[in-house]
Amino acid sequence: MKADIHPDYVECRVTCSCGNTFTTRSTVPELRAELCAECHPFYTGKQKLVDTGGRVERFQRRYAKADAAKTSAAKTSAAKKKA
């Protein structure tokens, strides 16, 4: 390996948004993470819904419109069959 071209590999303190901290090694002395093994749904078994920009609400509104359209179409077709 060539000398003096590689970054320093130092101890790094990682801080998660849940407050958990741990140390590892990296080229930077401090890192911030959004999810860690203590708060990630895969490891905890808890569902954590992260809504980015109202996407969940937008989906629910769209689904409600589609569901309402289906029920109204079914009612009109049933009324036509009776008549």
PDB file of N, CA and C in Angstrom:
ATOM      1  N   MET A   1       0.840  -1.191   0.000  1.00  0.00           N
ATOM      2  CA  MET A   1       0.000   0.000   0.000  1.00  0.00           C
ATOM      3  C   MET A   1       0.875   1.241   0.000  1.00  0.00           C
ATOM      4  N   LYS A   2       0.374   2.274  -0.622  1.00  0.00           N
ATOM      5  CA  LYS A   2       1.096   3.528  -0.639  1.00  0.00           C
ATOM      6  C   LYS A   2       0.938   4.220   0.712  1.00  0.00           C
ATOM      7  N   ALA A   3       1.953   4.907   1.112  1.00  0.00           N
ATOM      8  CA  ALA A   3       1.926   5.612   2.397  1.00  0.00           C
ATOM      9  C   ALA A   3       1.246   6.977   2.245  1.00  0.00           C
ATOM     10  N   ASP A   4       0.553   7.405   3.283  1.00  0.00           N
ATOM     11  CA  ASP A   4      -0.047   8.741   3.397  1.00  0.00           C
ATOM     12  C   ASP A   4      -1.165   9.031   2.394  1.00  0.00           C
ATOM     13  N   ILE A   5      -1.843   8.014   1.861  1.00  0.00           N
ATOM     14  CA  ILE A   5      -2.983   8.301   0.986  1.00  0.00           C
ATOM     15  C   ILE A   5      -4.305   7.842   1.604  1.00  0.00           C
ATOM     16  N   HIS A   6      -4.234   7.075   2.661  1.00  0.00           N
ATOM     17  CA  HIS A   6      -5.440   6.545   3.281  1.00  0.00           C
ATOM     18  C   HIS A   6      -5.883   7.431   4.447  1.00  0.00           C
ATOM     19  N   PRO A   7      -7.211   7.586   4.642  1.00  0.00           N
ATOM     20  CA  PRO A   7      -7.691   8.390   5.770  1.00  0.00           C
ATOM     21  C   PRO A   7      -7.442   7.668   7.093  1.00  0.00           C
ATOM     22  N   ASP A   8      -7.438   8.442   8.173  1.00  0.00           N
ATOM     23  CA  ASP A   8      -7.256   7.860   9.505  1.00  0.00           C
ATOM     24  C   ASP A   8      -8.497   7.049   9.876  1.00  0.00           C
ATOM     25  N   TYR A   9      -8.273   5.901  10.467  1.00  0.00           N
ATOM     26  CA  TYR A   9      -9.344   5.011  10.906  1.00  0.00           C
ATOM     27  C   TYR A   9      -9.420   5.126  12.422  1.00  0.00           C
ATOM     28  N   VAL A  10     -10.380   5.933  12.903  1.00  0.00           N
ATOM     29  CA  VAL A  10     -10.450   6.267  14.326  1.00  0.00           C
ATOM     30  C   VAL A  10     -11.709   5.686  14.952  1.00  0.00           C
ATOM     31  N   GLU A  11     -11.777   5.721  16.287  1.00  0.00           N
ATOM     32  CA  GLU A  11     -12.995   5.315  16.972  1.00  0.00           C
ATOM     33  C   GLU A  11     -14.084   6.336  16.685  1.00  0.00           C
ATOM     34  N   CYS A  12     -15.295   5.830  16.453  1.00  0.00           N
ATOM     35  CA  CYS A  12     -16.411   6.681  16.066  1.00  0.00           C
ATOM     36  C   CYS A  12     -17.558   6.456  17.037  1.00  0.00           C
ATOM     37  N   ARG A  13     -18.182   7.532  17.479  1.00  0.00           N
ATOM     38  CA  ARG A  13     -19.346   7.435  18.357  1.00  0.00           C
ATOM     39  C   ARG A  13     -20.588   7.632  17.492  1.00  0.00           C
ATOM     40  N   VAL A  14     -21.469   6.626  17.469  1.00  0.00           N
ATOM     41  CA  VAL A  14     -22.694   6.662  16.671  1.00  0.00           C
ATOM     42  C   VAL A  14     -23.856   6.962  17.602  1.00  0.00           C
ATOM     43  N   THR A  15     -24.668   7.976  17.239  1.00  0.00           N
ATOM     44  CA  THR A  15     -25.821   8.370  18.033  1.00  0.00           C
ATOM     45  C   THR A  15     -27.068   8.200  17.176  1.00  0.00           C
ATOM     46  N   CYS A  16     -28.031   7.446  17.690  1.00  0.00           N
ATOM     47  CA  CYS A  16     -29.282   7.214  16.972  1.00  0.00           C
ATOM     48  C   CYS A  16     -30.302   8.270  17.385  1.00  0.00           C
ATOM     49  N   SER A  17     -31.343   8.439  16.560  1.00  0.00           N
ATOM     50  CA  SER A  17     -32.386   9.409  16.891  1.00  0.00           C
ATOM     51  C   SER A  17     -33.206   8.976  18.107  1.00  0.00           C
ATOM     52  N   CYS A  18     -33.160   7.673  18.448  1.00  0.00           N
ATOM     53  CA  CYS A  18     -33.880   7.200  19.636  1.00  0.00           C
ATOM     54  C   CYS A  18     -33.093   7.460  20.916  1.00  0.00           C
ATOM     55  N   GLY A  19     -31.834   7.875  20.790  1.00  0.00           N
ATOM     56  CA  GLY A  19     -31.015   8.170  21.955  1.00  0.00           C
ATOM     57  C   GLY A  19     -29.953   7.127  22.233  1.00  0.00           C
ATOM     58  N   ASN A  20     -29.995   6.013  21.550  1.00  0.00           N
ATOM     59  CA  ASN A  20     -29.006   4.957  21.740  1.00  0.00           C
ATOM     60  C   ASN A  20     -27.662   5.395  21.162  1.00  0.00           C
ATOM     61  N   THR A  21     -26.584   5.112  21.898  1.00  0.00           N
ATOM     62  CA  THR A  21     -25.244   5.430  21.401  1.00  0.00           C
ATOM     63  C   THR A  21     -24.364   4.194  21.521  1.00  0.00           C
ATOM     64  N   PHE A  22     -23.436   4.062  20.590  1.00  0.00           N
ATOM     65  CA  PHE A  22     -22.454   2.987  20.634  1.00  0.00           C
ATOM     66  C   PHE A  22     -21.212   3.437  19.883  1.00  0.00           C
ATOM     67  N   THR A  23     -20.129   2.743  20.090  1.00  0.00           N
ATOM     68  CA  THR A  23     -18.879   3.107  19.433  1.00  0.00           C
ATOM     69  C   THR A  23     -18.488   2.028  18.437  1.00  0.00           C
ATOM     70  N   THR A  24     -17.870   2.478  17.387  1.00  0.00           N
ATOM     71  CA  THR A  24     -17.351   1.600  16.344  1.00  0.00           C
ATOM     72  C   THR A  24     -16.123   2.292  15.764  1.00  0.00           C
ATOM     73  N   ARG A  25     -15.672   1.868  14.631  1.00  0.00           N
ATOM     74  CA  ARG A  25     -14.525   2.521  14.005  1.00  0.00           C
ATOM     75  C   ARG A  25     -14.929   3.020  12.631  1.00  0.00           C
ATOM     76  N   SER A  26     -14.453   4.201  12.280  1.00  0.00           N
ATOM     77  CA  SER A  26     -14.774   4.802  10.994  1.00  0.00           C
ATOM     78  C   SER A  26     -13.721   5.856  10.671  1.00  0.00           C
ATOM     79  N   THR A  27     -13.888   6.489   9.527  1.00  0.00           N
ATOM     80  CA  THR A  27     -12.959   7.559   9.150  1.00  0.00           C
ATOM     81  C   THR A  27     -13.401   8.906   9.693  1.00  0.00           C
ATOM     82  N   VAL A  28     -14.607   8.966  10.284  1.00  0.00           N
ATOM     83  CA  VAL A  28     -15.097  10.190  10.919  1.00  0.00           C
ATOM     84  C   VAL A  28     -15.282   9.929  12.415  1.00  0.00           C
ATOM     85  N   PRO A  29     -15.085  10.920  13.257  1.00  0.00           N
ATOM     86  CA  PRO A  29     -15.164  10.684  14.706  1.00  0.00           C
ATOM     87  C   PRO A  29     -16.583  10.564  15.258  1.00  0.00           C
ATOM     88  N   GLU A  30     -17.607  11.093  14.550  1.00  0.00           N
ATOM     89  CA  GLU A  30     -18.966  11.043  15.072  1.00  0.00           C
ATOM     90  C   GLU A  30     -19.965  10.895  13.938  1.00  0.00           C
ATOM     91  N   LEU A  31     -20.971  10.031  14.138  1.00  0.00           N
ATOM     92  CA  LEU A  31     -22.041   9.803  13.165  1.00  0.00           C
ATOM     93  C   LEU A  31     -23.390   9.905  13.848  1.00  0.00           C
ATOM     94  N   ARG A  32     -24.420  10.301  13.076  1.00  0.00           N
ATOM     95  CA  ARG A  32     -25.792  10.322  13.571  1.00  0.00           C
ATOM     96  C   ARG A  32     -26.614   9.413  12.660  1.00  0.00           C
ATOM     97  N   ALA A  33     -27.418   8.542  13.274  1.00  0.00           N
ATOM     98  CA  ALA A  33     -28.228   7.584  12.520  1.00  0.00           C
ATOM     99  C   ALA A  33     -29.700   7.788  12.832  1.00  0.00           C
ATOM    100  N   GLU A  34     -30.563   7.459  11.871  1.00  0.00           N
ATOM    101  CA  GLU A  34     -32.007   7.561  12.087  1.00  0.00           C
ATOM    102  C   GLU A  34     -32.543   6.320  12.792  1.00  0.00           C
ATOM    103  N   LEU A  35     -32.037   5.149  12.422  1.00  0.00           N
ATOM    104  CA  LEU A  35     -32.492   3.891  13.006  1.00  0.00           C
ATOM    105  C   LEU A  35     -31.292   3.064  13.433  1.00  0.00           C
ATOM    106  N   CYS A  36     -31.473   2.331  14.512  1.00  0.00           N
ATOM    107  CA  CYS A  36     -30.417   1.420  14.970  1.00  0.00           C
ATOM    108  C   CYS A  36     -31.067   0.083  15.316  1.00  0.00           C
ATOM    109  N   ALA A  37     -30.293  -0.855  15.796  1.00  0.00           N
ATOM    110  CA  ALA A  37     -30.819  -2.173  16.136  1.00  0.00           C
ATOM    111  C   ALA A  37     -31.776  -2.106  17.328  1.00  0.00           C
ATOM    112  N   GLU A  38     -31.689  -1.062  18.140  1.00  0.00           N
ATOM    113  CA  GLU A  38     -32.578  -0.934  19.299  1.00  0.00           C
ATOM    114  C   GLU A  38     -33.961  -0.422  18.914  1.00  0.00           C
ATOM    115  N   CYS A  39     -34.083   0.331  17.830  1.00  0.00           N
ATOM    116  CA  CYS A  39     -35.376   0.913  17.475  1.00  0.00           C
ATOM    117  C   CYS A  39     -35.879   0.468  16.104  1.00  0.00           C
ATOM    118  N   HIS A  40     -35.131  -0.331  15.352  1.00  0.00           N
ATOM    119  CA  HIS A  40     -35.562  -0.772  14.030  1.00  0.00           C
ATOM    120  C   HIS A  40     -36.686  -1.803  14.169  1.00  0.00           C
ATOM    121  N   PRO A  41     -37.772  -1.650  13.390  1.00  0.00           N
ATOM    122  CA  PRO A  41     -38.913  -2.567  13.517  1.00  0.00           C
ATOM    123  C   PRO A  41     -38.559  -4.034  13.259  1.00  0.00           C
ATOM    124  N   PHE A  42     -37.597  -4.300  12.413  1.00  0.00           N
ATOM    125  CA  PHE A  42     -37.219  -5.679  12.118  1.00  0.00           C
ATOM    126  C   PHE A  42     -36.673  -6.371  13.356  1.00  0.00           C
ATOM    127  N   TYR A  43     -35.890  -5.645  14.142  1.00  0.00           N
ATOM    128  CA  TYR A  43     -35.270  -6.235  15.327  1.00  0.00           C
ATOM    129  C   TYR A  43     -36.161  -6.173  16.555  1.00  0.00           C
ATOM    130  N   THR A  44     -37.014  -5.155  16.660  1.00  0.00           N
ATOM    131  CA  THR A  44     -37.861  -5.009  17.841  1.00  0.00           C
ATOM    132  C   THR A  44     -39.190  -5.729  17.700  1.00  0.00           C
ATOM    133  N   GLY A  45     -39.633  -5.972  16.489  1.00  0.00           N
ATOM    134  CA  GLY A  45     -40.915  -6.605  16.261  1.00  0.00           C
ATOM    135  C   GLY A  45     -42.082  -5.639  16.354  1.00  0.00           C
ATOM    136  N   LYS A  46     -41.819  -4.362  16.494  1.00  0.00           N
ATOM    137  CA  LYS A  46     -42.863  -3.346  16.575  1.00  0.00           C
ATOM    138  C   LYS A  46     -42.924  -2.607  15.249  1.00  0.00           C
ATOM    139  N   GLN A  47     -44.139  -2.315  14.803  1.00  0.00           N
ATOM    140  CA  GLN A  47     -44.304  -1.563  13.570  1.00  0.00           C
ATOM    141  C   GLN A  47     -44.181  -0.081  13.878  1.00  0.00           C
ATOM    142  N   LYS A  48     -43.285   0.577  13.207  1.00  0.00           N
ATOM    143  CA  LYS A  48     -43.099   2.009  13.390  1.00  0.00           C
ATOM    144  C   LYS A  48     -43.362   2.658  12.045  1.00  0.00           C
ATOM    145  N   LEU A  49     -44.424   3.441  11.952  1.00  0.00           N
ATOM    146  CA  LEU A  49     -44.822   4.041  10.699  1.00  0.00           C
ATOM    147  C   LEU A  49     -44.182   5.416  10.583  1.00  0.00           C
ATOM    148  N   VAL A  50     -43.360   5.580   9.574  1.00  0.00           N
ATOM    149  CA  VAL A  50     -42.710   6.854   9.328  1.00  0.00           C
ATOM    150  C   VAL A  50     -43.391   7.461   8.113  1.00  0.00           C
ATOM    151  N   ASP A  51     -44.177   8.505   8.318  1.00  0.00           N
ATOM    152  CA  ASP A  51     -44.929   9.132   7.243  1.00  0.00           C
ATOM    153  C   ASP A  51     -44.114  10.274   6.669  1.00  0.00           C
ATOM    154  N   THR A  52     -43.717  10.130   5.427  1.00  0.00           N
ATOM    155  CA  THR A  52     -42.921  11.152   4.768  1.00  0.00           C
ATOM    156  C   THR A  52     -43.810  11.933   3.819  1.00  0.00           C
ATOM    157  N   GLY A  53     -44.058  13.156   4.136  1.00  0.00           N
ATOM    158  CA  GLY A  53     -44.811  14.028   3.246  1.00  0.00           C
ATOM    159  C   GLY A  53     -46.273  13.681   3.111  1.00  0.00           C
ATOM    160  N   GLY A  54     -46.883  13.040   4.094  1.00  0.00           N
ATOM    161  CA  GLY A  54     -48.306  12.738   4.052  1.00  0.00           C
ATOM    162  C   GLY A  54     -48.676  11.647   3.076  1.00  0.00           C
ATOM    163  N   ARG A  55     -47.751  10.776   2.742  1.00  0.00           N
ATOM    164  CA  ARG A  55     -48.023   9.729   1.754  1.00  0.00           C
ATOM    165  C   ARG A  55     -49.079   8.742   2.231  1.00  0.00           C
ATOM    166  N   VAL A  56     -49.060   8.432   3.521  1.00  0.00           N
ATOM    167  CA  VAL A  56     -50.031   7.482   4.055  1.00  0.00           C
ATOM    168  C   VAL A  56     -51.435   8.073   3.989  1.00  0.00           C
ATOM    169  N   GLU A  57     -51.577   9.318   4.385  1.00  0.00           N
ATOM    170  CA  GLU A  57     -52.882   9.974   4.331  1.00  0.00           C
ATOM    171  C   GLU A  57     -53.379  10.067   2.891  1.00  0.00           C
ATOM    172  N   ARG A  58     -52.493  10.394   1.985  1.00  0.00           N
ATOM    173  CA  ARG A  58     -52.862  10.497   0.578  1.00  0.00           C
ATOM    174  C   ARG A  58     -53.347   9.137   0.053  1.00  0.00           C
ATOM    175  N   PHE A  59     -52.661   8.062   0.437  1.00  0.00           N
ATOM    176  CA  PHE A  59     -53.083   6.720   0.023  1.00  0.00           C
ATOM    177  C   PHE A  59     -54.447   6.384   0.600  1.00  0.00           C
ATOM    178  N   GLN A  60     -54.664   6.704   1.873  1.00  0.00           N
ATOM    179  CA  GLN A  60     -55.942   6.389   2.512  1.00  0.00           C
ATOM    180  C   GLN A  60     -57.087   7.161   1.866  1.00  0.00           C
ATOM    181  N   ARG A  61     -56.856   8.424   1.502  1.00  0.00           N
ATOM    182  CA  ARG A  61     -57.895   9.195   0.816  1.00  0.00           C
ATOM    183  C   ARG A  61     -58.200   8.594  -0.547  1.00  0.00           C
ATOM    184  N   ARG A  62     -57.167   8.221  -1.281  1.00  0.00           N
ATOM    185  CA  ARG A  62     -57.350   7.632  -2.601  1.00  0.00           C
ATOM    186  C   ARG A  62     -58.085   6.295  -2.498  1.00  0.00           C
ATOM    187  N   TYR A  63     -57.712   5.496  -1.503  1.00  0.00           N
ATOM    188  CA  TYR A  63     -58.367   4.203  -1.307  1.00  0.00           C
ATOM    189  C   TYR A  63     -59.826   4.396  -0.906  1.00  0.00           C
ATOM    190  N   ALA A  64     -60.108   5.394  -0.102  1.00  0.00           N
ATOM    191  CA  ALA A  64     -61.485   5.668   0.320  1.00  0.00           C
ATOM    192  C   ALA A  64     -62.326   6.076  -0.885  1.00  0.00           C
ATOM    193  N   LYS A  65     -61.763   6.885  -1.797  1.00  0.00           N
ATOM    194  CA  LYS A  65     -62.490   7.276  -3.004  1.00  0.00           C
ATOM    195  C   LYS A  65     -62.790   6.060  -3.871  1.00  0.00           C
ATOM    196  N   ALA A  66     -61.811   5.203  -4.045  1.00  0.00           N
ATOM    197  CA  ALA A  66     -62.002   4.009  -4.876  1.00  0.00           C
ATOM    198  C   ALA A  66     -63.029   3.080  -4.244  1.00  0.00           C
ATOM    199  N   ASP A  67     -62.979   2.939  -2.936  1.00  0.00           N
ATOM    200  CA  ASP A  67     -63.927   2.077  -2.237  1.00  0.00           C
ATOM    201  C   ASP A  67     -65.339   2.650  -2.339  1.00  0.00           C
ATOM    202  N   ALA A  68     -65.475   3.974  -2.208  1.00  0.00           N
ATOM    203  CA  ALA A  68     -66.786   4.611  -2.315  1.00  0.00           C
ATOM    204  C   ALA A  68     -67.332   4.469  -3.734  1.00  0.00           C
ATOM    205  N   ALA A  69     -66.483   4.568  -4.733  1.00  0.00           N
ATOM    206  CA  ALA A  69     -66.914   4.412  -6.119  1.00  0.00           C
ATOM    207  C   ALA A  69     -67.397   2.985  -6.377  1.00  0.00           C
ATOM    208  N   LYS A  70     -66.712   2.005  -5.792  1.00  0.00           N
ATOM    209  CA  LYS A  70     -67.125   0.605  -5.965  1.00  0.00           C
ATOM    210  C   LYS A  70     -68.493   0.362  -5.344  1.00  0.00           C
ATOM    211  N   THR A  71     -68.703   0.864  -4.137  1.00  0.00           N
ATOM    212  CA  THR A  71     -69.977   0.621  -3.458  1.00  0.00           C
ATOM    213  C   THR A  71     -71.120   1.334  -4.173  1.00  0.00           C
ATOM    214  N   SER A  72     -70.895   2.544  -4.658  1.00  0.00           N
ATOM    215  CA  SER A  72     -71.959   3.252  -5.375  1.00  0.00           C
ATOM    216  C   SER A  72     -72.258   2.573  -6.705  1.00  0.00           C
ATOM    217  N   ALA A  73     -71.249   2.057  -7.374  1.00  0.00           N
ATOM    218  CA  ALA A  73     -71.458   1.340  -8.633  1.00  0.00           C
ATOM    219  C   ALA A  73     -72.232   0.050  -8.380  1.00  0.00           C
ATOM    220  N   ALA A  74     -71.927  -0.625  -7.298  1.00  0.00           N
ATOM    221  CA  ALA A  74     -72.626  -1.860  -6.962  1.00  0.00           C
ATOM    222  C   ALA A  74     -74.090  -1.575  -6.642  1.00  0.00           C
ATOM    223  N   LYS A  75     -74.351  -0.473  -5.951  1.00  0.00           N
ATOM    224  CA  LYS A  75     -75.740  -0.118  -5.608  1.00  0.00           C
ATOM    225  C   LYS A  75     -76.524   0.224  -6.866  1.00  0.00           C
ATOM    226  N   THR A  76     -75.938   0.965  -7.790  1.00  0.00           N
ATOM    227  CA  THR A  76     -76.661   1.332  -9.019  1.00  0.00           C
ATOM    228  C   THR A  76     -76.911   0.116  -9.891  1.00  0.00           C
ATOM    229  N   SER A  77     -75.971  -0.803  -9.958  1.00  0.00           N
ATOM    230  CA  SER A  77     -76.182  -2.011 -10.764  1.00  0.00           C
ATOM    231  C   SER A  77     -77.254  -2.902 -10.133  1.00  0.00           C
ATOM    232  N   ALA A  78     -77.287  -2.953  -8.811  1.00  0.00           N
ATOM    233  CA  ALA A  78     -78.315  -3.739  -8.126  1.00  0.00           C
ATOM    234  C   ALA A  78     -79.686  -3.110  -8.341  1.00  0.00           C
ATOM    235  N   ALA A  79     -79.765  -1.788  -8.338  1.00  0.00           N
ATOM    236  CA  ALA A  79     -81.040  -1.098  -8.565  1.00  0.00           C
ATOM    237  C   ALA A  79     -81.515  -1.325  -9.993  1.00  0.00           C
ATOM    238  N   LYS A  80     -80.610  -1.367 -10.962  1.00  0.00           N
ATOM    239  CA  LYS A  80     -80.986  -1.595 -12.355  1.00  0.00           C
ATOM    240  C   LYS A  80     -81.475  -3.038 -12.543  1.00  0.00           C
ATOM    241  N   LYS A  81     -80.894  -3.973 -11.834  1.00  0.00           N
ATOM    242  CA  LYS A  81     -81.326  -5.359 -11.957  1.00  0.00           C
ATOM    243  C   LYS A  81     -82.728  -5.560 -11.405  1.00  0.00           C
ATOM    244  N   LYS A  82     -83.089  -4.822 -10.345  1.00  0.00           N
ATOM    245  CA  LYS A  82     -84.419  -4.923  -9.754  1.00  0.00           C
ATOM    246  C   LYS A  82     -85.479  -4.356 -10.693  1.00  0.00           C
ATOM    247  N   ALA A  83     -85.116  -3.297 -11.394  1.00  0.00           N
ATOM    248  CA  ALA A  83     -86.096  -2.608 -12.259  1.00  0.00           C
ATOM    249  C   ALA A  83     -86.280  -3.259 -13.572  1.00  0.00           C
TER     250      ALA A  83
END
